[in-house]
Amino acid sequence: MAAKKYNISVEATLEVIGGKWKCVILCHLTHGKKRTSELKRLMPSITQKMLTQQLRELEEDGIINRITYNQVPPKVEYELSEYGWSLQSILDALCNWGLGHIERKYGDADTMLEDSVLNR
């Protein structure tokens, strides 16, 4: 099988972090380890199936670590891997651009953003 070729390197980036939810998950994980239920609460619009799928894909790509605690009931947390932390400048740039876009389009970002630790 021939190795995959990209037309431009940003394709490789988007293959890993593209889509509606992956960057949002990663931004939440920049604030520390999270359980699946915490991520679901922070992103109420995501379905459980989609959250699980996105977490699995990020783990497969080495962007996040899944930590399983051997206890009853079982406890699982997710955190950014060392490789995942290399995305921080990209995530910061996306957040900054989005804030500017909201202000340009709607005027006041405070009225358009949910009250969240990510928006403080």
Protein backbone atom coordinates (compact mmCIF):
# COMPACT_ATOMS: atom_id res chain seq x y z
CA MET A 1 0.00 0.00 0.00
CA ALA A 2 1.33 3.42 -0.94
CA ALA A 3 1.89 6.00 1.79
CA LYS A 4 -0.71 8.75 1.98
CA LYS A 5 0.22 12.02 0.32
CA TYR A 6 -1.09 15.44 1.33
CA ASN A 7 -1.54 18.40 -1.01
CA ILE A 8 -0.65 20.80 1.79
CA SER A 9 0.49 20.21 5.38
CA VAL A 10 -2.61 21.79 6.95
CA GLU A 11 -4.50 18.70 5.70
CA ALA A 12 -2.50 16.59 8.14
CA THR A 13 -3.38 18.96 10.98
CA LEU A 14 -7.07 18.95 10.12
CA GLU A 15 -7.05 15.17 9.81
CA VAL A 16 -6.12 15.03 13.51
CA ILE A 17 -7.98 18.01 15.04
CA GLY A 18 -10.61 18.79 12.41
CA GLY A 19 -14.32 18.63 12.96
CA LYS A 20 -16.75 20.38 15.24
CA TRP A 21 -15.70 18.93 18.59
CA LYS A 22 -12.03 17.94 18.75
CA CYS A 23 -10.65 21.44 19.32
CA VAL A 24 -13.33 22.11 21.93
CA ILE A 25 -12.37 18.92 23.77
CA LEU A 26 -8.69 19.85 23.57
CA CYS A 27 -9.34 23.37 24.87
CA HIS A 28 -11.13 21.92 27.90
CA LEU A 29 -8.24 19.53 28.51
CA THR A 30 -5.77 22.44 28.57
CA HIS A 31 -7.39 23.23 31.94
CA GLY A 32 -6.58 19.81 33.37
CA LYS A 33 -7.71 16.21 33.43
CA LYS A 34 -11.38 15.60 32.80
CA ARG A 35 -13.71 12.65 33.16
CA THR A 36 -16.06 11.85 30.31
CA SER A 37 -19.02 13.10 32.35
CA GLU A 38 -17.24 16.43 32.99
CA LEU A 39 -16.58 16.90 29.28
CA LYS A 40 -20.21 16.07 28.50
CA ARG A 41 -21.38 18.66 31.03
CA LEU A 42 -19.02 21.27 29.54
CA MET A 43 -20.30 20.50 26.03
CA PRO A 44 -24.04 19.84 26.44
CA SER A 45 -24.69 19.83 22.67
CA ILE A 46 -22.42 16.86 21.96
CA THR A 47 -23.94 13.40 22.01
CA GLN A 48 -22.37 10.73 24.19
CA LYS A 49 -21.64 8.65 21.08
CA MET A 50 -19.83 11.55 19.37
CA LEU A 51 -17.87 12.41 22.51
CA THR A 52 -16.71 8.81 22.88
CA GLN A 53 -15.77 8.63 19.19
CA GLN A 54 -13.80 11.89 19.30
CA LEU A 55 -11.97 10.87 22.48
CA ARG A 56 -11.01 7.53 20.93
CA GLU A 57 -9.71 9.20 17.76
CA LEU A 58 -7.66 11.74 19.74
CA GLU A 59 -6.25 8.91 21.84
CA GLU A 60 -5.38 6.85 18.73
CA ASP A 61 -3.53 9.85 17.30
CA GLY A 62 -1.54 10.25 20.52
CA ILE A 63 -3.02 13.67 21.31
CA ILE A 64 -4.63 12.66 24.61
CA ASN A 65 -3.96 10.04 27.26
CA ARG A 66 -6.71 7.88 28.72
CA ILE A 67 -6.03 7.16 32.37
CA THR A 68 -7.90 4.23 33.89
CA TYR A 69 -7.99 3.87 37.67
CA ASN A 70 -8.36 0.35 39.04
CA GLN A 71 -11.20 0.97 41.47
CA VAL A 72 -14.89 0.33 41.94
CA PRO A 73 -16.72 2.00 40.35
CA PRO A 74 -14.27 2.34 37.44
CA LYS A 75 -12.81 5.79 36.92
CA VAL A 76 -11.41 7.09 33.63
CA GLU A 77 -9.86 10.49 33.01
CA TYR A 78 -8.46 12.14 29.90
CA GLU A 79 -5.52 14.52 29.70
CA LEU A 80 -3.43 16.07 26.97
CA SER A 81 -0.37 14.02 26.12
CA GLU A 82 3.01 15.66 25.73
CA TYR A 83 2.38 15.58 21.98
CA GLY A 84 -1.08 17.08 22.54
CA TRP A 85 0.41 20.02 24.43
CA SER A 86 2.29 20.91 21.23
CA LEU A 87 -1.11 22.06 19.89
CA GLN A 88 -1.52 24.75 22.55
CA SER A 89 -0.39 27.65 20.34
CA ILE A 90 -2.79 26.50 17.60
CA LEU A 91 -5.68 26.26 20.08
CA ASP A 92 -4.85 29.70 21.52
CA ALA A 93 -4.76 31.19 18.02
CA LEU A 94 -8.14 29.63 17.17
CA CYS A 95 -9.68 31.01 20.38
CA ASN A 96 -8.27 34.49 19.75
CA TRP A 97 -9.44 34.52 16.16
CA GLY A 98 -12.90 33.31 17.20
CA LEU A 99 -13.18 36.05 19.82
CA GLY A 100 -12.29 38.67 17.22
CA HIS A 101 -14.79 37.18 14.80
CA ILE A 102 -17.58 37.23 17.40
CA GLU A 103 -16.81 40.88 18.22
CA ARG A 104 -16.72 41.82 14.53
CA LYS A 105 -19.96 40.04 13.70
CA TYR A 106 -21.99 40.61 16.88
CA GLY A 107 -20.27 43.51 18.65
CA ASP A 108 -20.20 42.31 22.24
CA ALA A 109 -18.53 38.95 22.84
CA ASP A 110 -19.80 38.76 26.43
CA THR A 111 -23.40 38.43 25.27
CA MET A 112 -22.51 35.75 22.72
CA LEU A 113 -20.30 33.50 24.87
CA GLU A 114 -21.50 31.05 27.50
CA ASP A 115 -20.25 31.54 31.05
CA SER A 116 -17.34 29.09 31.01
CA VAL A 117 -13.84 28.80 32.41
CA LEU A 118 -12.65 28.94 28.81
CA ASN A 119 -14.22 32.37 28.33
CA ARG A 120 -12.68 34.10 31.32
